Amino acid sequence: MAKVNVYVTLKPELLDAQGKVVQGALENLGYTGIEGVRVGKIVEIEIADAAGNIEGKIDEICRKLLVNPNTEDYRFEIEKG
């Protein structure tokens, strides 16, 4: 069994409206020096590694379901256990 963390973020050139709202809220709470905030998501997947090619399977899952390739980037980390 392997645990995979998939990190999905907006492409850097896109405006992150949710990040701007969080940045404004932090500033309203008195936190200074906040240069920018970007919000993304983490998807945790547990997958049997007996079949091999986990990287290929996760990449396919990301491309077919988890990520909008027009607006989002992704990376993943595999923890074999």
PDB file of N, CA and C in Angstrom:
ATOM      1  N   MET A   1       0.865  -1.181   0.000  1.00  0.00           N
ATOM      2  CA  MET A   1       0.000   0.000   0.000  1.00  0.00           C
ATOM      3  C   MET A   1       0.903   1.232   0.000  1.00  0.00           C
ATOM      4  N   ALA A   2       0.521   2.184  -0.799  1.00  0.00           N
ATOM      5  CA  ALA A   2       1.249   3.447  -0.856  1.00  0.00           C
ATOM      6  C   ALA A   2       0.271   4.585  -0.627  1.00  0.00           C
ATOM      7  N   LYS A   3       0.757   5.633  -0.019  1.00  0.00           N
ATOM      8  CA  LYS A   3      -0.038   6.840   0.162  1.00  0.00           C
ATOM      9  C   LYS A   3       0.523   7.893  -0.784  1.00  0.00           C
ATOM     10  N   VAL A   4      -0.379   8.538  -1.515  1.00  0.00           N
ATOM     11  CA  VAL A   4       0.022   9.566  -2.465  1.00  0.00           C
ATOM     12  C   VAL A   4      -0.648  10.875  -2.089  1.00  0.00           C
ATOM     13  N   ASN A   5       0.139  11.922  -1.990  1.00  0.00           N
ATOM     14  CA  ASN A   5      -0.382  13.275  -1.791  1.00  0.00           C
ATOM     15  C   ASN A   5      -0.272  14.007  -3.115  1.00  0.00           C
ATOM     16  N   VAL A   6      -1.423  14.442  -3.629  1.00  0.00           N
ATOM     17  CA  VAL A   6      -1.465  15.201  -4.876  1.00  0.00           C
ATOM     18  C   VAL A   6      -1.724  16.662  -4.510  1.00  0.00           C
ATOM     19  N   TYR A   7      -0.861  17.551  -4.975  1.00  0.00           N
ATOM     20  CA  TYR A   7      -0.979  18.980  -4.699  1.00  0.00           C
ATOM     21  C   TYR A   7      -1.428  19.678  -5.985  1.00  0.00           C
ATOM     22  N   VAL A   8      -2.587  20.319  -5.925  1.00  0.00           N
ATOM     23  CA  VAL A   8      -3.157  21.004  -7.087  1.00  0.00           C
ATOM     24  C   VAL A   8      -3.171  22.499  -6.794  1.00  0.00           C
ATOM     25  N   THR A   9      -2.592  23.279  -7.704  1.00  0.00           N
ATOM     26  CA  THR A   9      -2.543  24.735  -7.537  1.00  0.00           C
ATOM     27  C   THR A   9      -2.918  25.415  -8.848  1.00  0.00           C
ATOM     28  N   LEU A  10      -3.384  26.644  -8.720  1.00  0.00           N
ATOM     29  CA  LEU A  10      -3.650  27.428  -9.922  1.00  0.00           C
ATOM     30  C   LEU A  10      -2.341  27.743 -10.621  1.00  0.00           C
ATOM     31  N   LYS A  11      -2.384  27.845 -11.932  1.00  0.00           N
ATOM     32  CA  LYS A  11      -1.193  28.241 -12.673  1.00  0.00           C
ATOM     33  C   LYS A  11      -0.767  29.630 -12.191  1.00  0.00           C
ATOM     34  N   PRO A  12       0.526  29.884 -12.120  1.00  0.00           N
ATOM     35  CA  PRO A  12       1.015  31.145 -11.539  1.00  0.00           C
ATOM     36  C   PRO A  12       0.507  32.402 -12.238  1.00  0.00           C
ATOM     37  N   GLU A  13       0.227  32.310 -13.513  1.00  0.00           N
ATOM     38  CA  GLU A  13      -0.203  33.506 -14.241  1.00  0.00           C
ATOM     39  C   GLU A  13      -1.671  33.851 -14.032  1.00  0.00           C
ATOM     40  N   LEU A  14      -2.423  32.984 -13.349  1.00  0.00           N
ATOM     41  CA  LEU A  14      -3.845  33.237 -13.109  1.00  0.00           C
ATOM     42  C   LEU A  14      -4.073  33.935 -11.772  1.00  0.00           C
ATOM     43  N   LEU A  15      -5.040  34.837 -11.749  1.00  0.00           N
ATOM     44  CA  LEU A  15      -5.424  35.505 -10.515  1.00  0.00           C
ATOM     45  C   LEU A  15      -6.092  34.494  -9.587  1.00  0.00           C
ATOM     46  N   ASP A  16      -5.662  34.465  -8.345  1.00  0.00           N
ATOM     47  CA  ASP A  16      -6.251  33.580  -7.337  1.00  0.00           C
ATOM     48  C   ASP A  16      -7.181  34.420  -6.462  1.00  0.00           C
ATOM     49  N   ALA A  17      -8.455  34.472  -6.842  1.00  0.00           N
ATOM     50  CA  ALA A  17      -9.427  35.292  -6.114  1.00  0.00           C
ATOM     51  C   ALA A  17      -9.559  34.853  -4.661  1.00  0.00           C
ATOM     52  N   GLN A  18      -9.576  33.554  -4.430  1.00  0.00           N
ATOM     53  CA  GLN A  18      -9.693  33.059  -3.051  1.00  0.00           C
ATOM     54  C   GLN A  18      -8.456  33.457  -2.242  1.00  0.00           C
ATOM     55  N   GLY A  19      -7.297  33.385  -2.850  1.00  0.00           N
ATOM     56  CA  GLY A  19      -6.072  33.810  -2.176  1.00  0.00           C
ATOM     57  C   GLY A  19      -6.105  35.283  -1.816  1.00  0.00           C
ATOM     58  N   LYS A  20      -6.651  36.118  -2.706  1.00  0.00           N
ATOM     59  CA  LYS A  20      -6.772  37.553  -2.422  1.00  0.00           C
ATOM     60  C   LYS A  20      -7.700  37.805  -1.236  1.00  0.00           C
ATOM     61  N   VAL A  21      -8.787  37.042  -1.145  1.00  0.00           N
ATOM     62  CA  VAL A  21      -9.712  37.192  -0.016  1.00  0.00           C
ATOM     63  C   VAL A  21      -9.010  36.809   1.288  1.00  0.00           C
ATOM     64  N   VAL A  22      -8.264  35.717   1.268  1.00  0.00           N
ATOM     65  CA  VAL A  22      -7.537  35.290   2.467  1.00  0.00           C
ATOM     66  C   VAL A  22      -6.483  36.329   2.836  1.00  0.00           C
ATOM     67  N   GLN A  23      -5.782  36.865   1.852  1.00  0.00           N
ATOM     68  CA  GLN A  23      -4.779  37.891   2.131  1.00  0.00           C
ATOM     69  C   GLN A  23      -5.416  39.110   2.774  1.00  0.00           C
ATOM     70  N   GLY A  24      -6.550  39.558   2.243  1.00  0.00           N
ATOM     71  CA  GLY A  24      -7.253  40.700   2.830  1.00  0.00           C
ATOM     72  C   GLY A  24      -7.691  40.428   4.255  1.00  0.00           C
ATOM     73  N   ALA A  25      -8.182  39.224   4.504  1.00  0.00           N
ATOM     74  CA  ALA A  25      -8.615  38.865   5.860  1.00  0.00           C
ATOM     75  C   ALA A  25      -7.432  38.859   6.826  1.00  0.00           C
ATOM     76  N   LEU A  26      -6.299  38.346   6.386  1.00  0.00           N
ATOM     77  CA  LEU A  26      -5.110  38.350   7.245  1.00  0.00           C
ATOM     78  C   LEU A  26      -4.676  39.769   7.574  1.00  0.00           C
ATOM     79  N   GLU A  27      -4.706  40.633   6.567  1.00  0.00           N
ATOM     80  CA  GLU A  27      -4.336  42.033   6.801  1.00  0.00           C
ATOM     81  C   GLU A  27      -5.325  42.703   7.750  1.00  0.00           C
ATOM     82  N   ASN A  28      -6.622  42.399   7.605  1.00  0.00           N
ATOM     83  CA  ASN A  28      -7.638  42.957   8.511  1.00  0.00           C
ATOM     84  C   ASN A  28      -7.459  42.462   9.941  1.00  0.00           C
ATOM     85  N   LEU A  29      -6.879  41.279  10.101  1.00  0.00           N
ATOM     86  CA  LEU A  29      -6.617  40.747  11.433  1.00  0.00           C
ATOM     87  C   LEU A  29      -5.320  41.307  12.033  1.00  0.00           C
ATOM     88  N   GLY A  30      -4.630  42.146  11.266  1.00  0.00           N
ATOM     89  CA  GLY A  30      -3.439  42.789  11.799  1.00  0.00           C
ATOM     90  C   GLY A  30      -2.130  42.128  11.412  1.00  0.00           C
ATOM     91  N   TYR A  31      -2.168  41.099  10.573  1.00  0.00           N
ATOM     92  CA  TYR A  31      -0.932  40.466  10.135  1.00  0.00           C
ATOM     93  C   TYR A  31      -0.317  41.324   9.038  1.00  0.00           C
ATOM     94  N   THR A  32       0.919  41.722   9.243  1.00  0.00           N
ATOM     95  CA  THR A  32       1.597  42.592   8.280  1.00  0.00           C
ATOM     96  C   THR A  32       2.641  41.800   7.512  1.00  0.00           C
ATOM     97  N   GLY A  33       3.042  42.354   6.410  1.00  0.00           N
ATOM     98  CA  GLY A  33       4.107  41.731   5.628  1.00  0.00           C
ATOM     99  C   GLY A  33       3.642  40.586   4.750  1.00  0.00           C
ATOM    100  N   ILE A  34       2.337  40.378   4.629  1.00  0.00           N
ATOM    101  CA  ILE A  34       1.828  39.312   3.775  1.00  0.00           C
ATOM    102  C   ILE A  34       1.968  39.778   2.328  1.00  0.00           C
ATOM    103  N   GLU A  35       2.856  39.170   1.592  1.00  0.00           N
ATOM    104  CA  GLU A  35       3.146  39.580   0.219  1.00  0.00           C
ATOM    105  C   GLU A  35       2.154  38.980  -0.776  1.00  0.00           C
ATOM    106  N   GLY A  36       1.601  37.833  -0.470  1.00  0.00           N
ATOM    107  CA  GLY A  36       0.662  37.181  -1.373  1.00  0.00           C
ATOM    108  C   GLY A  36       0.197  35.870  -0.782  1.00  0.00           C
ATOM    109  N   VAL A  37      -0.976  35.450  -1.195  1.00  0.00           N
ATOM    110  CA  VAL A  37      -1.534  34.172  -0.741  1.00  0.00           C
ATOM    111  C   VAL A  37      -2.111  33.471  -1.961  1.00  0.00           C
ATOM    112  N   ARG A  38      -1.823  32.195  -2.090  1.00  0.00           N
ATOM    113  CA  ARG A  38      -2.423  31.368  -3.132  1.00  0.00           C
ATOM    114  C   ARG A  38      -3.019  30.152  -2.448  1.00  0.00           C
ATOM    115  N   VAL A  39      -4.210  29.782  -2.873  1.00  0.00           N
ATOM    116  CA  VAL A  39      -4.927  28.677  -2.259  1.00  0.00           C
ATOM    117  C   VAL A  39      -4.979  27.517  -3.252  1.00  0.00           C
ATOM    118  N   GLY A  40      -4.735  26.318  -2.773  1.00  0.00           N
ATOM    119  CA  GLY A  40      -4.798  25.118  -3.603  1.00  0.00           C
ATOM    120  C   GLY A  40      -5.521  24.025  -2.858  1.00  0.00           C
ATOM    121  N   LYS A  41      -5.304  22.802  -3.299  1.00  0.00           N
ATOM    122  CA  LYS A  41      -5.927  21.676  -2.611  1.00  0.00           C
ATOM    123  C   LYS A  41      -4.960  20.505  -2.588  1.00  0.00           C
ATOM    124  N   ILE A  42      -5.170  19.645  -1.590  1.00  0.00           N
ATOM    125  CA  ILE A  42      -4.396  18.417  -1.460  1.00  0.00           C
ATOM    126  C   ILE A  42      -5.387  17.259  -1.528  1.00  0.00           C
ATOM    127  N   VAL A  43      -5.055  16.277  -2.342  1.00  0.00           N
ATOM    128  CA  VAL A  43      -5.868  15.070  -2.433  1.00  0.00           C
ATOM    129  C   VAL A  43      -4.989  13.918  -1.975  1.00  0.00           C
ATOM    130  N   GLU A  44      -5.452  13.168  -0.968  1.00  0.00           N
ATOM    131  CA  GLU A  44      -4.711  12.013  -0.466  1.00  0.00           C
ATOM    132  C   GLU A  44      -5.317  10.750  -1.063  1.00  0.00           C
ATOM    133  N   ILE A  45      -4.475   9.925  -1.651  1.00  0.00           N
ATOM    134  CA  ILE A  45      -4.928   8.686  -2.279  1.00  0.00           C
ATOM    135  C   ILE A  45      -4.123   7.537  -1.698  1.00  0.00           C
ATOM    136  N   GLU A  46      -4.814   6.479  -1.318  1.00  0.00           N
ATOM    137  CA  GLU A  46      -4.139   5.238  -0.918  1.00  0.00           C
ATOM    138  C   GLU A  46      -4.320   4.253  -2.061  1.00  0.00           C
ATOM    139  N   ILE A  47      -3.223   3.662  -2.497  1.00  0.00           N
ATOM    140  CA  ILE A  47      -3.259   2.795  -3.667  1.00  0.00           C
ATOM    141  C   ILE A  47      -2.357   1.589  -3.440  1.00  0.00           C
ATOM    142  N   ALA A  48      -2.810   0.427  -3.906  1.00  0.00           N
ATOM    143  CA  ALA A  48      -1.991  -0.778  -3.805  1.00  0.00           C
ATOM    144  C   ALA A  48      -0.817  -0.629  -4.760  1.00  0.00           C
ATOM    145  N   ASP A  49       0.382  -0.898  -4.254  1.00  0.00           N
ATOM    146  CA  ASP A  49       1.546  -0.749  -5.109  1.00  0.00           C
ATOM    147  C   ASP A  49       2.009  -2.066  -5.709  1.00  0.00           C
ATOM    148  N   ALA A  50       1.282  -3.135  -5.484  1.00  0.00           N
ATOM    149  CA  ALA A  50       1.667  -4.450  -5.996  1.00  0.00           C
ATOM    150  C   ALA A  50       1.661  -4.485  -7.523  1.00  0.00           C
ATOM    151  N   ALA A  51       0.756  -3.722  -8.139  1.00  0.00           N
ATOM    152  CA  ALA A  51       0.635  -3.740  -9.594  1.00  0.00           C
ATOM    153  C   ALA A  51       1.735  -2.930 -10.281  1.00  0.00           C
ATOM    154  N   GLY A  52       2.448  -2.112  -9.533  1.00  0.00           N
ATOM    155  CA  GLY A  52       3.516  -1.294 -10.108  1.00  0.00           C
ATOM    156  C   GLY A  52       2.981  -0.098 -10.868  1.00  0.00           C
ATOM    157  N   ASN A  53       3.906   0.736 -11.351  1.00  0.00           N
ATOM    158  CA  ASN A  53       3.605   1.940 -12.124  1.00  0.00           C
ATOM    159  C   ASN A  53       2.636   2.873 -11.421  1.00  0.00           C
ATOM    160  N   ILE A  54       2.860   3.110 -10.158  1.00  0.00           N
ATOM    161  CA  ILE A  54       2.009   4.036  -9.401  1.00  0.00           C
ATOM    162  C   ILE A  54       2.075   5.431 -10.017  1.00  0.00           C
ATOM    163  N   GLU A  55       3.272   5.848 -10.388  1.00  0.00           N
ATOM    164  CA  GLU A  55       3.438   7.186 -10.962  1.00  0.00           C
ATOM    165  C   GLU A  55       2.534   7.370 -12.178  1.00  0.00           C
ATOM    166  N   GLY A  56       2.519   6.393 -13.063  1.00  0.00           N
ATOM    167  CA  GLY A  56       1.697   6.473 -14.258  1.00  0.00           C
ATOM    168  C   GLY A  56       0.214   6.518 -13.949  1.00  0.00           C
ATOM    169  N   LYS A  57      -0.198   5.691 -12.976  1.00  0.00           N
ATOM    170  CA  LYS A  57      -1.612   5.664 -12.592  1.00  0.00           C
ATOM    171  C   LYS A  57      -2.037   6.993 -11.989  1.00  0.00           C
ATOM    172  N   ILE A  58      -1.226   7.534 -11.092  1.00  0.00           N
ATOM    173  CA  ILE A  58      -1.573   8.798 -10.439  1.00  0.00           C
ATOM    174  C   ILE A  58      -1.574   9.931 -11.458  1.00  0.00           C
ATOM    175  N   ASP A  59      -0.601   9.936 -12.355  1.00  0.00           N
ATOM    176  CA  ASP A  59      -0.572  10.963 -13.391  1.00  0.00           C
ATOM    177  C   ASP A  59      -1.846  10.901 -14.242  1.00  0.00           C
ATOM    178  N   GLU A  60      -2.278   9.711 -14.592  1.00  0.00           N
ATOM    179  CA  GLU A  60      -3.509   9.547 -15.375  1.00  0.00           C
ATOM    180  C   GLU A  60      -4.736  10.010 -14.589  1.00  0.00           C
ATOM    181  N   ILE A  61      -4.798   9.661 -13.302  1.00  0.00           N
ATOM    182  CA  ILE A  61      -5.909  10.096 -12.443  1.00  0.00           C
ATOM    183  C   ILE A  61      -5.970  11.617 -12.393  1.00  0.00           C
ATOM    184  N   CYS A  62      -4.817  12.240 -12.246  1.00  0.00           N
ATOM    185  CA  CYS A  62      -4.773  13.708 -12.194  1.00  0.00           C
ATOM    186  C   CYS A  62      -5.268  14.306 -13.498  1.00  0.00           C
ATOM    187  N   ARG A  63      -4.767  13.811 -14.618  1.00  0.00           N
ATOM    188  CA  ARG A  63      -5.135  14.374 -15.913  1.00  0.00           C
ATOM    189  C   ARG A  63      -6.605  14.140 -16.258  1.00  0.00           C
ATOM    190  N   LYS A  64      -7.144  12.976 -15.864  1.00  0.00           N
ATOM    191  CA  LYS A  64      -8.524  12.646 -16.232  1.00  0.00           C
ATOM    192  C   LYS A  64      -9.574  13.191 -15.279  1.00  0.00           C
ATOM    193  N   LEU A  65      -9.206  13.409 -13.999  1.00  0.00           N
ATOM    194  CA  LEU A  65     -10.235  13.752 -13.018  1.00  0.00           C
ATOM    195  C   LEU A  65      -9.903  14.928 -12.107  1.00  0.00           C
ATOM    196  N   LEU A  66      -8.719  14.955 -11.552  1.00  0.00           N
ATOM    197  CA  LEU A  66      -8.441  15.879 -10.455  1.00  0.00           C
ATOM    198  C   LEU A  66      -8.038  17.284 -10.882  1.00  0.00           C
ATOM    199  N   VAL A  67      -7.514  17.441 -12.085  1.00  0.00           N
ATOM    200  CA  VAL A  67      -6.899  18.705 -12.476  1.00  0.00           C
ATOM    201  C   VAL A  67      -7.513  19.225 -13.776  1.00  0.00           C
ATOM    202  N   ASN A  68      -7.761  20.521 -13.798  1.00  0.00           N
ATOM    203  CA  ASN A  68      -8.136  21.190 -15.039  1.00  0.00           C
ATOM    204  C   ASN A  68      -6.838  21.699 -15.656  1.00  0.00           C
ATOM    205  N   PRO A  69      -6.361  21.083 -16.722  1.00  0.00           N
ATOM    206  CA  PRO A  69      -5.048  21.447 -17.259  1.00  0.00           C
ATOM    207  C   PRO A  69      -4.979  22.872 -17.812  1.00  0.00           C
ATOM    208  N   ASN A  70      -6.116  23.484 -18.067  1.00  0.00           N
ATOM    209  CA  ASN A  70      -6.116  24.858 -18.558  1.00  0.00           C
ATOM    210  C   ASN A  70      -5.802  25.869 -17.473  1.00  0.00           C
ATOM    211  N   THR A  71      -6.150  25.540 -16.235  1.00  0.00           N
ATOM    212  CA  THR A  71      -6.003  26.508 -15.147  1.00  0.00           C
ATOM    213  C   THR A  71      -5.154  26.022 -13.975  1.00  0.00           C
ATOM    214  N   GLU A  72      -4.848  24.734 -13.909  1.00  0.00           N
ATOM    215  CA  GLU A  72      -4.180  24.192 -12.730  1.00  0.00           C
ATOM    216  C   GLU A  72      -2.919  23.408 -13.085  1.00  0.00           C
ATOM    217  N   ASP A  73      -1.989  23.411 -12.143  1.00  0.00           N
ATOM    218  CA  ASP A  73      -0.795  22.572 -12.180  1.00  0.00           C
ATOM    219  C   ASP A  73      -0.913  21.556 -11.053  1.00  0.00           C
ATOM    220  N   TYR A  74      -0.112  20.504 -11.126  1.00  0.00           N
ATOM    221  CA  TYR A  74      -0.119  19.518 -10.040  1.00  0.00           C
ATOM    222  C   TYR A  74       1.254  18.872  -9.907  1.00  0.00           C
ATOM    223  N   ARG A  75       1.457  18.339  -8.737  1.00  0.00           N
ATOM    224  CA  ARG A  75       2.622  17.503  -8.455  1.00  0.00           C
ATOM    225  C   ARG A  75       2.172  16.503  -7.419  1.00  0.00           C
ATOM    226  N   PHE A  76       2.893  15.417  -7.277  1.00  0.00           N
ATOM    227  CA  PHE A  76       2.517  14.441  -6.259  1.00  0.00           C
ATOM    228  C   PHE A  76       3.749  13.813  -5.629  1.00  0.00           C
ATOM    229  N   GLU A  77       3.531  13.331  -4.406  1.00  0.00           N
ATOM    230  CA  GLU A  77       4.559  12.640  -3.639  1.00  0.00           C
ATOM    231  C   GLU A  77       4.028  11.283  -3.235  1.00  0.00           C
ATOM    232  N   ILE A  78       4.847  10.273  -3.376  1.00  0.00           N
ATOM    233  CA  ILE A  78       4.452   8.911  -3.043  1.00  0.00           C
ATOM    234  C   ILE A  78       5.207   8.450  -1.807  1.00  0.00           C
ATOM    235  N   GLU A  79       4.461   7.982  -0.797  1.00  0.00           N
ATOM    236  CA  GLU A  79       5.044   7.425   0.427  1.00  0.00           C
ATOM    237  C   GLU A  79       4.719   5.945   0.430  1.00  0.00           C
ATOM    238  N   LYS A  80       5.694   5.126   0.158  1.00  0.00           N
ATOM    239  CA  LYS A  80       5.441   3.677   0.152  1.00  0.00           C
ATOM    240  C   LYS A  80       5.510   3.179   1.587  1.00  0.00           C
ATOM    241  N   GLY A  81       4.566   2.304   1.900  1.00  0.00           N
ATOM    242  CA  GLY A  81       4.521   1.826   3.280  1.00  0.00           C
ATOM    243  C   GLY A  81       4.374   0.362   3.414  1.00  0.00           C
TER     244      GLY A  81
END
